[in-house]
Amino acid sequence: MTPDPSTAADDPATGHPHRRDRPAIGTAAILTATTLAFISALVTVTLLLVNGSLVLIALNTWAKQGPAWMQRPGFLQFILFAAPLLLTIVQWMTWDAIRGIWSRETE
């Protein structure tokens, strides 16, 4: 019986067959994808930190002047968690929309 020409010998490390008809992912592509994911995570962490600080400053100012329900710890904790997260999502969506507009203008 003749072996299938699209498969090569088994990989000695894993024992899985290699397929010749599927291109291998290069190290540069993996490094680029990993770097972009790391930069994206770093930007998101920075946005969350800045947004959290701004929301905390705003809450300290508004809670003192606002009604009694605004001074409850549960309300403040919810706003301090949800507001920076929502701001970060809005900022990423805005950046995505701006990039879409720029890419359409360059075409």
C-alpha atoms as a PDB file:
ATOM      1  CA  MET A   1       0.000   0.000   0.000  1.00  0.00           C
ATOM      2  CA  THR A   2       1.346   3.433  -0.961  1.00  0.00           C
ATOM      3  CA  PRO A   3       1.427   6.165   1.689  1.00  0.00           C
ATOM      4  CA  ASP A   4      -0.646   9.299   1.211  1.00  0.00           C
ATOM      5  CA  PRO A   5       1.626  11.937  -0.412  1.00  0.00           C
ATOM      6  CA  SER A   6      -0.029  14.778   1.522  1.00  0.00           C
ATOM      7  CA  THR A   7       1.286  13.494   4.844  1.00  0.00           C
ATOM      8  CA  ALA A   8       4.876  13.256   5.937  1.00  0.00           C
ATOM      9  CA  ALA A   9       6.490  11.232   8.669  1.00  0.00           C
ATOM     10  CA  ASP A  10       5.222  11.557  12.186  1.00  0.00           C
ATOM     11  CA  ASP A  11       6.653  14.318  14.352  1.00  0.00           C
ATOM     12  CA  PRO A  12       9.092  12.644  16.753  1.00  0.00           C
ATOM     13  CA  ALA A  13       8.149  15.001  19.581  1.00  0.00           C
ATOM     14  CA  THR A  14       4.362  14.595  19.438  1.00  0.00           C
ATOM     15  CA  GLY A  15       3.764  11.600  17.213  1.00  0.00           C
ATOM     16  CA  HIS A  16       1.256  13.567  15.103  1.00  0.00           C
ATOM     17  CA  PRO A  17       1.590  13.452  11.329  1.00  0.00           C
ATOM     18  CA  HIS A  18       2.627  16.600   9.500  1.00  0.00           C
ATOM     19  CA  ARG A  19       0.548  17.713   6.556  1.00  0.00           C
ATOM     20  CA  ARG A  20       2.461  19.080   3.593  1.00  0.00           C
ATOM     21  CA  ASP A  21      -0.515  20.855   2.038  1.00  0.00           C
ATOM     22  CA  ARG A  22      -0.996  23.170   5.050  1.00  0.00           C
ATOM     23  CA  PRO A  23       1.479  26.046   5.386  1.00  0.00           C
ATOM     24  CA  ALA A  24       3.339  26.294   8.665  1.00  0.00           C
ATOM     25  CA  ILE A  25       2.788  29.388  10.784  1.00  0.00           C
ATOM     26  CA  GLY A  26       6.010  31.321  10.926  1.00  0.00           C
ATOM     27  CA  THR A  27       7.691  32.498  14.082  1.00  0.00           C
ATOM     28  CA  ALA A  28       7.349  36.111  12.948  1.00  0.00           C
ATOM     29  CA  ALA A  29       3.574  35.775  12.641  1.00  0.00           C
ATOM     30  CA  ILE A  30       3.289  34.248  16.112  1.00  0.00           C
ATOM     31  CA  LEU A  31       5.546  36.917  17.599  1.00  0.00           C
ATOM     32  CA  THR A  32       3.565  39.688  15.891  1.00  0.00           C
ATOM     33  CA  ALA A  33       0.230  38.328  17.089  1.00  0.00           C
ATOM     34  CA  THR A  34       1.520  37.894  20.642  1.00  0.00           C
ATOM     35  CA  THR A  35       2.964  41.412  20.680  1.00  0.00           C
ATOM     36  CA  LEU A  36      -0.272  42.949  19.395  1.00  0.00           C
ATOM     37  CA  ALA A  37      -2.292  41.051  22.003  1.00  0.00           C
ATOM     38  CA  PHE A  38       0.072  42.233  24.741  1.00  0.00           C
ATOM     39  CA  ILE A  39      -0.132  45.861  23.562  1.00  0.00           C
ATOM     40  CA  SER A  40      -3.926  45.640  23.417  1.00  0.00           C
ATOM     41  CA  ALA A  41      -4.049  44.279  26.970  1.00  0.00           C
ATOM     42  CA  LEU A  42      -1.657  47.002  28.157  1.00  0.00           C
ATOM     43  CA  VAL A  43      -3.799  49.735  26.583  1.00  0.00           C
ATOM     44  CA  THR A  44      -6.934  48.251  28.152  1.00  0.00           C
ATOM     45  CA  VAL A  45      -5.330  48.108  31.604  1.00  0.00           C
ATOM     46  CA  THR A  46      -4.186  51.720  31.247  1.00  0.00           C
ATOM     47  CA  LEU A  47      -7.667  52.826  30.171  1.00  0.00           C
ATOM     48  CA  LEU A  48      -9.246  50.992  33.116  1.00  0.00           C
ATOM     49  CA  LEU A  49      -6.797  52.600  35.552  1.00  0.00           C
ATOM     50  CA  VAL A  50      -7.354  56.113  34.203  1.00  0.00           C
ATOM     51  CA  ASN A  51     -11.133  55.647  33.937  1.00  0.00           C
ATOM     52  CA  GLY A  52     -11.290  54.204  37.461  1.00  0.00           C
ATOM     53  CA  SER A  53      -9.384  57.181  38.837  1.00  0.00           C
ATOM     54  CA  LEU A  54     -11.651  59.652  37.046  1.00  0.00           C
ATOM     55  CA  VAL A  55     -14.804  57.868  38.226  1.00  0.00           C
ATOM     56  CA  LEU A  56     -13.494  57.777  41.811  1.00  0.00           C
ATOM     57  CA  ILE A  57     -12.817  61.528  41.740  1.00  0.00           C
ATOM     58  CA  ALA A  58     -16.264  62.202  40.270  1.00  0.00           C
ATOM     59  CA  LEU A  59     -17.974  59.935  42.818  1.00  0.00           C
ATOM     60  CA  ASN A  60     -16.238  61.641  45.735  1.00  0.00           C
ATOM     61  CA  THR A  61     -17.438  65.009  44.496  1.00  0.00           C
ATOM     62  CA  TRP A  62     -20.988  63.988  43.573  1.00  0.00           C
ATOM     63  CA  ALA A  63     -21.674  61.728  46.563  1.00  0.00           C
ATOM     64  CA  LYS A  64     -21.072  64.558  49.019  1.00  0.00           C
ATOM     65  CA  GLN A  65     -23.466  66.878  47.198  1.00  0.00           C
ATOM     66  CA  GLY A  66     -26.005  64.278  46.064  1.00  0.00           C
ATOM     67  CA  PRO A  67     -28.988  62.645  47.741  1.00  0.00           C
ATOM     68  CA  ALA A  68     -28.689  60.063  50.545  1.00  0.00           C
ATOM     69  CA  TRP A  69     -29.081  57.043  48.237  1.00  0.00           C
ATOM     70  CA  MET A  70     -25.970  58.179  46.381  1.00  0.00           C
ATOM     71  CA  GLN A  71     -23.891  57.816  49.537  1.00  0.00           C
ATOM     72  CA  ARG A  72     -24.733  54.119  50.096  1.00  0.00           C
ATOM     73  CA  PRO A  73     -21.643  51.881  49.849  1.00  0.00           C
ATOM     74  CA  GLY A  74     -23.386  49.350  47.560  1.00  0.00           C
ATOM     75  CA  PHE A  75     -24.279  52.036  45.034  1.00  0.00           C
ATOM     76  CA  LEU A  76     -20.766  53.490  45.113  1.00  0.00           C
ATOM     77  CA  GLN A  77     -19.167  50.056  44.667  1.00  0.00           C
ATOM     78  CA  PHE A  78     -21.388  49.241  41.699  1.00  0.00           C
ATOM     79  CA  ILE A  79     -20.667  52.565  39.977  1.00  0.00           C
ATOM     80  CA  LEU A  80     -16.953  52.268  40.740  1.00  0.00           C
ATOM     81  CA  PHE A  81     -16.936  48.832  39.067  1.00  0.00           C
ATOM     82  CA  ALA A  82     -19.322  49.400  36.147  1.00  0.00           C
ATOM     83  CA  ALA A  83     -18.499  52.945  35.035  1.00  0.00           C
ATOM     84  CA  PRO A  84     -14.773  52.412  34.205  1.00  0.00           C
ATOM     85  CA  LEU A  85     -15.646  49.206  32.390  1.00  0.00           C
ATOM     86  CA  LEU A  86     -18.358  50.885  30.322  1.00  0.00           C
ATOM     87  CA  LEU A  87     -16.075  53.848  29.585  1.00  0.00           C
ATOM     88  CA  THR A  88     -13.358  51.477  28.369  1.00  0.00           C
ATOM     89  CA  ILE A  89     -15.814  49.675  26.085  1.00  0.00           C
ATOM     90  CA  VAL A  90     -17.030  53.009  24.678  1.00  0.00           C
ATOM     91  CA  GLN A  91     -13.429  54.160  24.146  1.00  0.00           C
ATOM     92  CA  TRP A  92     -12.523  50.963  22.249  1.00  0.00           C
ATOM     93  CA  MET A  93     -15.689  51.252  20.126  1.00  0.00           C
ATOM     94  CA  THR A  94     -14.847  54.889  19.370  1.00  0.00           C
ATOM     95  CA  TRP A  95     -11.297  53.941  18.380  1.00  0.00           C
ATOM     96  CA  ASP A  96     -12.683  51.168  16.171  1.00  0.00           C
ATOM     97  CA  ALA A  97     -15.071  53.602  14.453  1.00  0.00           C
ATOM     98  CA  ILE A  98     -12.287  56.150  13.879  1.00  0.00           C
ATOM     99  CA  ARG A  99     -10.022  53.467  12.386  1.00  0.00           C
ATOM    100  CA  GLY A 100     -12.886  52.375  10.126  1.00  0.00           C
ATOM    101  CA  ILE A 101     -13.363  55.925   8.875  1.00  0.00           C
ATOM    102  CA  TRP A 102      -9.622  56.367   8.303  1.00  0.00           C
ATOM    103  CA  SER A 103      -9.323  53.086   6.428  1.00  0.00           C
ATOM    104  CA  ARG A 104     -12.255  53.994   4.141  1.00  0.00           C
ATOM    105  CA  GLU A 105     -10.686  57.382   3.365  1.00  0.00           C
ATOM    106  CA  THR A 106      -7.371  55.813   2.349  1.00  0.00           C
ATOM    107  CA  GLU A 107      -8.981  53.341  -0.075  1.00  0.00           C
END
